[in-house]
Amino acid sequence: MSTGLVFQVKEVSQSAIAMLRPWGELLEPTALSLPSNLSEVTTRLAQNLTHFRSNYTLVLLIVLFLSLIYHPVSIIVFLIIFAAWLVLYFSRDQPLEVFGFTFGDRVVMVILGLVTVLALVLTHVWLNVVVSVVIGVGLVSLHAVFRGTEDLVMDDQESPYGALLSDDQDPSGNYTIM
């Protein structure tokens, strides 16, 4: 029984690590530059938040964890919720299906985020939670704005703008009404 649990934890951790982009790619100092205009700011923000979604989520969770060092009950609650993050968000390759309903990555991330904040607020560390979330979002946003996107290789499905290329063989498109 315990070997099955160890194997399952090992699989979850390997899958979670596989979802992360390489930290060297995220922290590449030569990729940092000032955006030239507001349009470039929004483009960088959207592309980097999509491309480094798992890394940014982990950064936010680490900032939140560090803010709880002097609150042992909150750390225990946080570790339980972090285990839920590992199982429900970081370790999945397919959309989550619960009671016949399918939930995408972003929905799972929002729900887990709300559960995390709610649980930590209920453990009476709401000020730490608010400050750490503001700091984490600020760090992630600053990085996403100043991290250039020219060297990122993104799949069309991963792009915040949706699939740009189609497998459709007809260049004029299929405009039949169904």
N, C-alpha and C. Protein backbone atom coordinates (compact mmCIF):
# COMPACT_ATOMS: atom_id res chain seq x y z
N MET A 1 0.82 -1.19 0.00
CA MET A 1 0.00 0.00 0.00
C MET A 1 0.87 1.25 0.00
N SER A 2 1.91 1.29 0.85
CA SER A 2 2.75 2.48 0.93
C SER A 2 3.63 2.64 -0.32
N THR A 3 4.01 1.52 -0.96
CA THR A 3 4.80 1.65 -2.19
C THR A 3 3.97 2.24 -3.32
N GLY A 4 2.67 1.94 -3.34
CA GLY A 4 1.79 2.54 -4.35
C GLY A 4 1.65 4.04 -4.15
N LEU A 5 1.57 4.46 -2.89
CA LEU A 5 1.47 5.88 -2.58
C LEU A 5 2.76 6.60 -2.95
N VAL A 6 3.91 5.98 -2.64
CA VAL A 6 5.20 6.57 -2.99
C VAL A 6 5.34 6.68 -4.50
N PHE A 7 4.92 5.65 -5.22
CA PHE A 7 4.98 5.68 -6.68
C PHE A 7 4.08 6.78 -7.23
N GLN A 8 2.89 6.93 -6.66
CA GLN A 8 1.95 7.96 -7.12
C GLN A 8 2.51 9.36 -6.85
N VAL A 9 3.11 9.58 -5.67
CA VAL A 9 3.72 10.88 -5.35
C VAL A 9 4.87 11.16 -6.28
N LYS A 10 5.65 10.14 -6.60
CA LYS A 10 6.78 10.30 -7.52
C LYS A 10 6.28 10.69 -8.91
N GLU A 11 5.22 10.05 -9.38
CA GLU A 11 4.63 10.39 -10.69
C GLU A 11 4.11 11.81 -10.72
N VAL A 12 3.42 12.22 -9.65
CA VAL A 12 2.87 13.58 -9.58
C VAL A 12 3.99 14.60 -9.60
N SER A 13 5.05 14.36 -8.83
CA SER A 13 6.15 15.34 -8.79
C SER A 13 6.88 15.41 -10.12
N GLN A 14 7.07 14.29 -10.80
CA GLN A 14 7.71 14.30 -12.12
C GLN A 14 6.84 15.02 -13.14
N SER A 15 5.55 14.81 -13.08
CA SER A 15 4.64 15.49 -14.00
C SER A 15 4.61 16.98 -13.73
N ALA A 16 4.63 17.36 -12.45
CA ALA A 16 4.63 18.78 -12.10
C ALA A 16 5.90 19.46 -12.58
N ILE A 17 7.02 18.81 -12.44
CA ILE A 17 8.29 19.37 -12.89
C ILE A 17 8.29 19.47 -14.41
N ALA A 18 7.67 18.53 -15.10
CA ALA A 18 7.64 18.56 -16.57
C ALA A 18 6.81 19.73 -17.09
N MET A 19 5.81 20.19 -16.35
CA MET A 19 4.97 21.32 -16.80
C MET A 19 5.70 22.65 -16.72
N LEU A 20 6.69 22.74 -15.84
CA LEU A 20 7.43 23.98 -15.68
C LEU A 20 8.34 24.23 -16.87
N ARG A 21 8.45 25.47 -17.28
CA ARG A 21 9.42 25.86 -18.29
C ARG A 21 10.78 25.89 -17.61
N PRO A 22 11.86 25.73 -18.36
CA PRO A 22 13.18 25.80 -17.73
C PRO A 22 13.39 27.15 -17.05
N TRP A 23 13.92 27.11 -15.83
CA TRP A 23 14.12 28.34 -15.07
C TRP A 23 15.15 29.24 -15.76
N GLY A 24 16.10 28.64 -16.46
CA GLY A 24 17.07 29.42 -17.20
C GLY A 24 16.41 30.25 -18.29
N GLU A 25 15.39 29.68 -18.92
CA GLU A 25 14.63 30.41 -19.95
C GLU A 25 13.85 31.56 -19.32
N LEU A 26 13.27 31.32 -18.15
CA LEU A 26 12.49 32.34 -17.46
C LEU A 26 13.39 33.48 -16.97
N LEU A 27 14.55 33.13 -16.45
CA LEU A 27 15.42 34.11 -15.82
C LEU A 27 16.56 34.58 -16.71
N GLU A 28 16.45 34.36 -18.01
CA GLU A 28 17.50 34.77 -18.97
C GLU A 28 17.70 36.29 -18.90
N PRO A 29 18.87 36.76 -18.41
CA PRO A 29 19.07 38.21 -18.26
C PRO A 29 19.12 38.96 -19.59
N THR A 30 19.56 38.31 -20.65
CA THR A 30 19.63 39.00 -21.94
C THR A 30 18.26 39.20 -22.57
N ALA A 31 17.24 38.50 -22.05
CA ALA A 31 15.88 38.64 -22.60
C ALA A 31 15.13 39.82 -21.98
N LEU A 32 15.72 40.45 -20.97
CA LEU A 32 15.06 41.58 -20.33
C LEU A 32 15.31 42.86 -21.12
N SER A 33 14.25 43.60 -21.36
CA SER A 33 14.36 44.87 -22.07
C SER A 33 13.12 45.71 -21.79
N LEU A 34 13.26 46.99 -22.04
CA LEU A 34 12.12 47.89 -21.87
C LEU A 34 11.18 47.77 -23.06
N PRO A 35 9.88 47.67 -22.81
CA PRO A 35 8.93 47.67 -23.92
C PRO A 35 8.88 49.07 -24.54
N SER A 36 8.67 49.13 -25.84
CA SER A 36 8.71 50.41 -26.54
C SER A 36 7.40 51.19 -26.47
N ASN A 37 6.28 50.48 -26.28
CA ASN A 37 4.99 51.17 -26.22
C ASN A 37 3.99 50.33 -25.44
N LEU A 38 2.81 50.86 -25.23
CA LEU A 38 1.77 50.18 -24.46
C LEU A 38 1.31 48.89 -25.13
N SER A 39 1.28 48.89 -26.45
CA SER A 39 0.89 47.69 -27.18
C SER A 39 1.87 46.54 -26.90
N GLU A 40 3.15 46.86 -26.87
CA GLU A 40 4.16 45.84 -26.59
C GLU A 40 4.05 45.36 -25.14
N VAL A 41 3.70 46.26 -24.23
CA VAL A 41 3.51 45.87 -22.82
C VAL A 41 2.41 44.83 -22.72
N THR A 42 1.27 45.09 -23.35
CA THR A 42 0.15 44.14 -23.25
C THR A 42 0.46 42.83 -23.97
N THR A 43 1.18 42.90 -25.09
CA THR A 43 1.55 41.68 -25.81
C THR A 43 2.49 40.84 -24.97
N ARG A 44 3.51 41.47 -24.41
CA ARG A 44 4.47 40.74 -23.57
C ARG A 44 3.77 40.13 -22.36
N LEU A 45 2.92 40.91 -21.74
CA LEU A 45 2.21 40.43 -20.56
C LEU A 45 1.38 39.19 -20.90
N ALA A 46 0.60 39.26 -21.97
CA ALA A 46 -0.24 38.13 -22.37
C ALA A 46 0.60 36.91 -22.75
N GLN A 47 1.63 37.11 -23.55
CA GLN A 47 2.43 35.97 -24.01
C GLN A 47 3.23 35.35 -22.88
N ASN A 48 3.86 36.17 -22.03
CA ASN A 48 4.66 35.62 -20.94
C ASN A 48 3.78 34.94 -19.89
N LEU A 49 2.62 35.53 -19.58
CA LEU A 49 1.74 34.89 -18.61
C LEU A 49 1.25 33.54 -19.12
N THR A 50 1.06 33.41 -20.41
CA THR A 50 0.64 32.13 -20.99
C THR A 50 1.81 31.15 -21.04
N HIS A 51 2.95 31.62 -21.51
CA HIS A 51 4.10 30.73 -21.71
C HIS A 51 4.68 30.22 -20.39
N PHE A 52 4.77 31.09 -19.38
CA PHE A 52 5.37 30.73 -18.10
C PHE A 52 4.33 30.55 -17.01
N ARG A 53 3.11 30.17 -17.37
CA ARG A 53 2.00 30.07 -16.43
C ARG A 53 2.34 29.22 -15.20
N SER A 54 2.90 28.05 -15.40
CA SER A 54 3.21 27.17 -14.27
C SER A 54 4.32 27.76 -13.40
N ASN A 55 5.33 28.33 -14.02
CA ASN A 55 6.42 28.94 -13.26
C ASN A 55 5.91 30.11 -12.42
N TYR A 56 5.10 30.96 -13.03
CA TYR A 56 4.56 32.11 -12.31
C TYR A 56 3.66 31.67 -11.16
N THR A 57 2.87 30.63 -11.36
CA THR A 57 2.02 30.11 -10.30
C THR A 57 2.87 29.61 -9.14
N LEU A 58 3.95 28.91 -9.45
CA LEU A 58 4.85 28.42 -8.41
C LEU A 58 5.51 29.58 -7.67
N VAL A 59 5.90 30.63 -8.37
CA VAL A 59 6.48 31.81 -7.73
C VAL A 59 5.48 32.42 -6.74
N LEU A 60 4.22 32.55 -7.17
CA LEU A 60 3.19 33.10 -6.28
C LEU A 60 3.01 32.22 -5.04
N LEU A 61 3.01 30.91 -5.22
CA LEU A 61 2.86 30.00 -4.08
C LEU A 61 4.05 30.09 -3.14
N ILE A 62 5.25 30.25 -3.67
CA ILE A 62 6.44 30.37 -2.82
C ILE A 62 6.40 31.67 -2.01
N VAL A 63 6.01 32.77 -2.66
CA VAL A 63 5.89 34.05 -1.94
C VAL A 63 4.86 33.91 -0.82
N LEU A 64 3.75 33.27 -1.12
CA LEU A 64 2.71 33.06 -0.11
C LEU A 64 3.23 32.19 1.03
N PHE A 65 3.94 31.14 0.73
CA PHE A 65 4.51 30.25 1.75
C PHE A 65 5.50 31.01 2.64
N LEU A 66 6.36 31.81 2.03
CA LEU A 66 7.35 32.55 2.81
C LEU A 66 6.70 33.56 3.76
N SER A 67 5.54 34.07 3.39
CA SER A 67 4.86 35.02 4.26
C SER A 67 4.23 34.34 5.48
N LEU A 68 4.19 33.01 5.48
CA LEU A 68 3.53 32.28 6.56
C LEU A 68 4.49 31.60 7.53
N ILE A 69 5.76 31.90 7.42
CA ILE A 69 6.77 31.19 8.22
C ILE A 69 6.46 31.26 9.72
N TYR A 70 5.94 32.37 10.20
CA TYR A 70 5.67 32.52 11.63
C TYR A 70 4.25 32.13 12.03
N HIS A 71 3.55 31.43 11.16
CA HIS A 71 2.18 30.98 11.44
C HIS A 71 2.07 29.48 11.15
N PRO A 72 2.41 28.63 12.14
CA PRO A 72 2.47 27.18 11.89
C PRO A 72 1.15 26.55 11.45
N VAL A 73 0.01 26.97 11.99
CA VAL A 73 -1.27 26.39 11.58
C VAL A 73 -1.54 26.73 10.11
N SER A 74 -1.24 27.96 9.74
CA SER A 74 -1.45 28.37 8.35
C SER A 74 -0.51 27.62 7.41
N ILE A 75 0.69 27.32 7.87
CA ILE A 75 1.62 26.56 7.03
C ILE A 75 1.09 25.15 6.80
N ILE A 76 0.51 24.54 7.83
CA ILE A 76 -0.05 23.20 7.67
C ILE A 76 -1.20 23.23 6.67
N VAL A 77 -2.09 24.22 6.81
CA VAL A 77 -3.19 24.38 5.86
C VAL A 77 -2.63 24.61 4.45
N PHE A 78 -1.63 25.48 4.36
CA PHE A 78 -1.02 25.78 3.07
C PHE A 78 -0.41 24.52 2.44
N LEU A 79 0.28 23.70 3.22
CA LEU A 79 0.89 22.48 2.67
C LEU A 79 -0.16 21.50 2.17
N ILE A 80 -1.29 21.42 2.85
CA ILE A 80 -2.39 20.56 2.37
C ILE A 80 -2.92 21.10 1.04
N ILE A 81 -3.11 22.41 0.99
CA ILE A 81 -3.60 23.01 -0.25
C ILE A 81 -2.55 22.90 -1.35
N PHE A 82 -1.28 23.03 -0.99
CA PHE A 82 -0.21 22.88 -1.98
C PHE A 82 -0.23 21.47 -2.58
N ALA A 83 -0.51 20.46 -1.75
CA ALA A 83 -0.64 19.09 -2.26
C ALA A 83 -1.80 19.02 -3.27
N ALA A 84 -2.89 19.73 -2.98
CA ALA A 84 -4.01 19.79 -3.92
C ALA A 84 -3.58 20.45 -5.23
N TRP A 85 -2.77 21.51 -5.14
CA TRP A 85 -2.23 22.17 -6.34
C TRP A 85 -1.41 21.17 -7.16
N LEU A 86 -0.56 20.40 -6.48
CA LEU A 86 0.27 19.43 -7.20
C LEU A 86 -0.58 18.41 -7.93
N VAL A 87 -1.58 17.88 -7.25
CA VAL A 87 -2.39 16.82 -7.84
C VAL A 87 -3.35 17.36 -8.90
N LEU A 88 -4.04 18.46 -8.61
CA LEU A 88 -5.11 18.93 -9.48
C LEU A 88 -4.65 19.89 -10.58
N TYR A 89 -3.50 20.55 -10.41
CA TYR A 89 -3.08 21.52 -11.42
C TYR A 89 -1.76 21.13 -12.09
N PHE A 90 -0.72 20.92 -11.32
CA PHE A 90 0.60 20.72 -11.90
C PHE A 90 0.80 19.34 -12.52
N SER A 91 0.09 18.33 -12.06
CA SER A 91 0.39 16.96 -12.51
C SER A 91 -0.51 16.46 -13.62
N ARG A 92 -1.43 17.26 -14.10
CA ARG A 92 -2.37 16.78 -15.11
C ARG A 92 -1.91 17.14 -16.51
N ASP A 93 -2.15 16.21 -17.44
CA ASP A 93 -1.89 16.46 -18.85
C ASP A 93 -3.19 16.74 -19.60
N GLN A 94 -4.31 16.36 -19.01
CA GLN A 94 -5.62 16.50 -19.65
C GLN A 94 -6.51 17.37 -18.77
N PRO A 95 -7.60 17.90 -19.33
CA PRO A 95 -8.52 18.68 -18.50
C PRO A 95 -9.08 17.84 -17.35
N LEU A 96 -9.36 18.48 -16.24
CA LEU A 96 -9.90 17.81 -15.06
C LEU A 96 -11.38 17.52 -15.27
N GLU A 97 -11.79 16.30 -14.99
CA GLU A 97 -13.21 15.94 -15.14
C GLU A 97 -13.75 15.53 -13.78
N VAL A 98 -14.81 16.24 -13.32
CA VAL A 98 -15.44 15.98 -12.03
C VAL A 98 -16.94 15.88 -12.25
N PHE A 99 -17.52 14.74 -11.90
CA PHE A 99 -18.96 14.50 -12.03
C PHE A 99 -19.45 14.79 -13.44
N GLY A 100 -18.67 14.44 -14.44
CA GLY A 100 -19.08 14.62 -15.83
C GLY A 100 -18.81 16.01 -16.39
N PHE A 101 -18.38 16.94 -15.56
CA PHE A 101 -18.04 18.29 -16.02
C PHE A 101 -16.54 18.37 -16.25
N THR A 102 -16.15 19.03 -17.34
CA THR A 102 -14.73 19.18 -17.68
C THR A 102 -14.28 20.60 -17.36
N PHE A 103 -13.14 20.70 -16.67
CA PHE A 103 -12.59 21.99 -16.28
C PHE A 103 -11.19 22.14 -16.88
N GLY A 104 -10.93 23.27 -17.55
CA GLY A 104 -9.62 23.55 -18.13
C GLY A 104 -8.64 24.03 -17.07
N ASP A 105 -7.39 24.19 -17.48
CA ASP A 105 -6.32 24.60 -16.57
C ASP A 105 -6.61 25.93 -15.89
N ARG A 106 -7.09 26.89 -16.63
CA ARG A 106 -7.32 28.22 -16.06
C ARG A 106 -8.42 28.20 -15.01
N VAL A 107 -9.47 27.44 -15.25
CA VAL A 107 -10.57 27.33 -14.27
C VAL A 107 -10.06 26.66 -13.00
N VAL A 108 -9.30 25.58 -13.16
CA VAL A 108 -8.74 24.88 -12.00
C VAL A 108 -7.82 25.82 -11.23
N MET A 109 -7.00 26.61 -11.95
CA MET A 109 -6.08 27.53 -11.30
C MET A 109 -6.85 28.59 -10.51
N VAL A 110 -7.91 29.14 -11.07
CA VAL A 110 -8.70 30.16 -10.38
C VAL A 110 -9.38 29.57 -9.14
N ILE A 111 -9.97 28.39 -9.29
CA ILE A 111 -10.66 27.76 -8.15
C ILE A 111 -9.67 27.44 -7.04
N LEU A 112 -8.52 26.84 -7.40
CA LEU A 112 -7.52 26.54 -6.38
C LEU A 112 -6.97 27.81 -5.75
N GLY A 113 -6.81 28.86 -6.52
CA GLY A 113 -6.35 30.13 -5.97
C GLY A 113 -7.33 30.69 -4.95
N LEU A 114 -8.62 30.64 -5.30
CA LEU A 114 -9.65 31.12 -4.37
C LEU A 114 -9.70 30.26 -3.10
N VAL A 115 -9.59 28.95 -3.25
CA VAL A 115 -9.58 28.06 -2.09
C VAL A 115 -8.36 28.35 -1.22
N THR A 116 -7.22 28.59 -1.85
CA THR A 116 -5.99 28.89 -1.10
C THR A 116 -6.17 30.18 -0.29
N VAL A 117 -6.63 31.22 -0.94
CA VAL A 117 -6.81 32.50 -0.24
C VAL A 117 -7.86 32.38 0.85
N LEU A 118 -8.99 31.73 0.55
CA LEU A 118 -10.06 31.57 1.54
C LEU A 118 -9.57 30.78 2.76
N ALA A 119 -8.86 29.69 2.55
CA ALA A 119 -8.38 28.87 3.67
C ALA A 119 -7.38 29.65 4.53
N LEU A 120 -6.53 30.42 3.90
CA LEU A 120 -5.55 31.17 4.68
C LEU A 120 -6.17 32.37 5.38
N VAL A 121 -7.20 32.94 4.79
CA VAL A 121 -7.92 34.03 5.45
C VAL A 121 -8.65 33.48 6.68
N LEU A 122 -9.23 32.28 6.55
CA LEU A 122 -9.94 31.67 7.67
C LEU A 122 -9.00 31.27 8.80
N THR A 123 -7.71 31.15 8.53
CA THR A 123 -6.74 30.85 9.59
C THR A 123 -6.17 32.14 10.17
N HIS A 124 -6.83 33.26 9.90
CA HIS A 124 -6.54 34.57 10.49
C HIS A 124 -5.18 35.14 10.10
N VAL A 125 -4.80 34.92 8.88
CA VAL A 125 -3.57 35.55 8.37
C VAL A 125 -3.91 36.33 7.10
N TRP A 126 -5.09 36.93 7.06
CA TRP A 126 -5.57 37.60 5.85
C TRP A 126 -4.65 38.73 5.44
N LEU A 127 -4.07 39.46 6.39
CA LEU A 127 -3.18 40.56 6.01
C LEU A 127 -1.92 40.01 5.33
N ASN A 128 -1.37 38.93 5.87
CA ASN A 128 -0.21 38.28 5.22
C ASN A 128 -0.57 37.80 3.83
N VAL A 129 -1.77 37.24 3.68
CA VAL A 129 -2.21 36.73 2.39
C VAL A 129 -2.32 37.87 1.38
N VAL A 130 -2.98 38.94 1.79
CA VAL A 130 -3.17 40.07 0.87
C VAL A 130 -1.83 40.67 0.47
N VAL A 131 -0.96 40.92 1.44
CA VAL A 131 0.35 41.52 1.13
C VAL A 131 1.18 40.59 0.25
N SER A 132 1.19 39.30 0.57
CA SER A 132 2.01 38.38 -0.23
C SER A 132 1.45 38.21 -1.65
N VAL A 133 0.13 38.21 -1.80
CA VAL A 133 -0.45 38.11 -3.14
C VAL A 133 -0.14 39.36 -3.95
N VAL A 134 -0.22 40.53 -3.32
CA VAL A 134 0.11 41.78 -4.01
C VAL A 134 1.59 41.77 -4.43
N ILE A 135 2.46 41.36 -3.53
CA ILE A 135 3.90 41.29 -3.85
C ILE A 135 4.14 40.28 -4.97
N GLY A 136 3.53 39.09 -4.87
CA GLY A 136 3.72 38.06 -5.89
C GLY A 136 3.20 38.48 -7.25
N VAL A 137 2.00 39.06 -7.28
CA VAL A 137 1.44 39.52 -8.56
C VAL A 137 2.30 40.65 -9.13
N GLY A 138 2.79 41.52 -8.26
CA GLY A 138 3.68 42.59 -8.72
C GLY A 138 4.96 42.05 -9.33
N LEU A 139 5.59 41.07 -8.67
CA LEU A 139 6.81 40.47 -9.20
C LEU A 139 6.56 39.78 -10.55
N VAL A 140 5.49 39.00 -10.61
CA VAL A 140 5.18 38.28 -11.84
C VAL A 140 4.86 39.27 -12.97
N SER A 141 4.07 40.29 -12.67
CA SER A 141 3.72 41.27 -13.69
C SER A 141 4.92 42.04 -14.19
N LEU A 142 5.79 42.45 -13.28
CA LEU A 142 7.00 43.16 -13.69
C LEU A 142 7.86 42.28 -14.59
N HIS A 143 8.04 41.03 -14.19
CA HIS A 143 8.85 40.14 -15.01
C HIS A 143 8.20 39.94 -16.37
N ALA A 144 6.89 39.72 -16.40
CA ALA A 144 6.19 39.46 -17.67
C ALA A 144 6.28 40.66 -18.60
N VAL A 145 6.29 41.87 -18.06
CA VAL A 145 6.37 43.07 -18.90
C VAL A 145 7.79 43.29 -19.42
N PHE A 146 8.79 43.05 -18.59
CA PHE A 146 10.17 43.33 -19.00
C PHE A 146 10.84 42.15 -19.70
N ARG A 147 10.26 40.96 -19.66
CA ARG A 147 10.83 39.79 -20.33
C ARG A 147 10.39 39.82 -21.79
N GLY A 148 11.34 39.98 -22.70
CA GLY A 148 11.03 39.99 -24.13
C GLY A 148 10.49 38.65 -24.57
N THR A 149 9.71 38.66 -25.63
CA THR A 149 9.08 37.42 -26.10
C THR A 149 9.64 36.94 -27.43
N GLU A 150 10.65 37.63 -27.95
CA GLU A 150 11.16 37.29 -29.28
C GLU A 150 11.76 35.89 -29.33
N ASP A 151 12.34 35.42 -28.23
CA ASP A 151 13.01 34.13 -28.23
C ASP A 151 12.11 32.98 -27.76
N LEU A 152 10.86 33.27 -27.44
CA LEU A 152 9.95 32.21 -26.98
C LEU A 152 9.38 31.45 -28.16
N VAL A 153 9.34 30.15 -28.02
CA VAL A 153 8.72 29.30 -29.03
C VAL A 153 7.42 28.83 -28.43
N MET A 154 6.32 29.29 -29.03
CA MET A 154 5.00 28.95 -28.50
C MET A 154 4.21 28.16 -29.52
N ASP A 155 3.48 27.18 -29.02
CA ASP A 155 2.54 26.46 -29.87
C ASP A 155 1.36 27.37 -30.14
N ASP A 156 0.68 27.17 -31.27
CA ASP A 156 -0.50 27.97 -31.58
C ASP A 156 -1.57 27.81 -30.51
N GLN A 157 -1.72 26.59 -29.96
CA GLN A 157 -2.75 26.35 -28.96
C GLN A 157 -2.40 27.05 -27.65
N GLU A 158 -1.11 27.28 -27.41
CA GLU A 158 -0.66 27.91 -26.18
C GLU A 158 -0.77 29.42 -26.26
N SER A 159 -0.83 29.96 -27.44
CA SER A 159 -0.86 31.40 -27.63
C SER A 159 -2.11 32.01 -27.01
N PRO A 160 -1.97 33.18 -26.36
CA PRO A 160 -3.15 33.82 -25.80
C PRO A 160 -4.11 34.30 -26.88
N TYR A 161 -3.68 34.31 -28.13
CA TYR A 161 -4.52 34.77 -29.23
C TYR A 161 -5.17 33.63 -29.98
N GLY A 162 -5.04 32.41 -29.47
CA GLY A 162 -5.67 31.26 -30.10
C GLY A 162 -4.85 30.71 -31.25
N ALA A 163 -5.37 29.70 -31.89
CA ALA A 163 -4.67 29.08 -33.01
C ALA A 163 -4.66 30.03 -34.21
N LEU A 164 -3.48 30.31 -34.70
CA LEU A 164 -3.35 31.24 -35.82
C LEU A 164 -3.34 30.52 -37.16
N LEU A 165 -2.90 29.29 -37.15
CA LEU A 165 -2.84 28.51 -38.37
C LEU A 165 -3.86 27.39 -38.31
N SER A 166 -4.40 27.05 -39.44
CA SER A 166 -5.41 26.02 -39.49
C SER A 166 -4.90 24.86 -40.34
N ASP A 167 -5.40 23.67 -40.05
CA ASP A 167 -5.07 22.50 -40.86
C ASP A 167 -5.99 22.39 -42.07
N ASP A 168 -6.87 23.35 -42.22
CA ASP A 168 -7.84 23.35 -43.31
C ASP A 168 -7.11 23.43 -44.65
N GLN A 169 -7.41 22.51 -45.56
CA GLN A 169 -6.75 22.48 -46.86
C GLN A 169 -7.29 23.55 -47.82
N ASP A 170 -8.49 24.03 -47.57
CA ASP A 170 -9.11 25.01 -48.44
C ASP A 170 -8.73 26.42 -47.97
N PRO A 171 -7.90 27.16 -48.73
CA PRO A 171 -7.45 28.46 -48.28
C PRO A 171 -8.58 29.49 -48.17
N SER A 172 -9.66 29.29 -48.89
CA SER A 172 -10.77 30.25 -48.81
C SER A 172 -11.63 29.99 -47.59
N GLY A 173 -11.43 28.87 -46.92
CA GLY A 173 -12.19 28.54 -45.72
C GLY A 173 -13.49 27.85 -46.04
N ASN A 174 -14.09 27.32 -45.03
CA ASN A 174 -15.35 26.63 -45.17
C ASN A 174 -16.41 27.48 -44.49
N TYR A 175 -17.27 28.12 -45.28
CA TYR A 175 -18.25 29.04 -44.75
C TYR A 175 -19.67 28.52 -44.88
N THR A 176 -19.85 27.23 -44.87
CA THR A 176 -21.21 26.67 -44.99
C THR A 176 -21.95 26.88 -43.68
N ILE A 177 -23.23 27.12 -43.78
CA ILE A 177 -24.07 27.30 -42.60
C ILE A 177 -24.59 25.94 -42.19
N MET A 178 -24.46 25.66 -40.91
CA MET A 178 -24.91 24.37 -40.39
C MET A 178 -26.19 24.51 -39.65
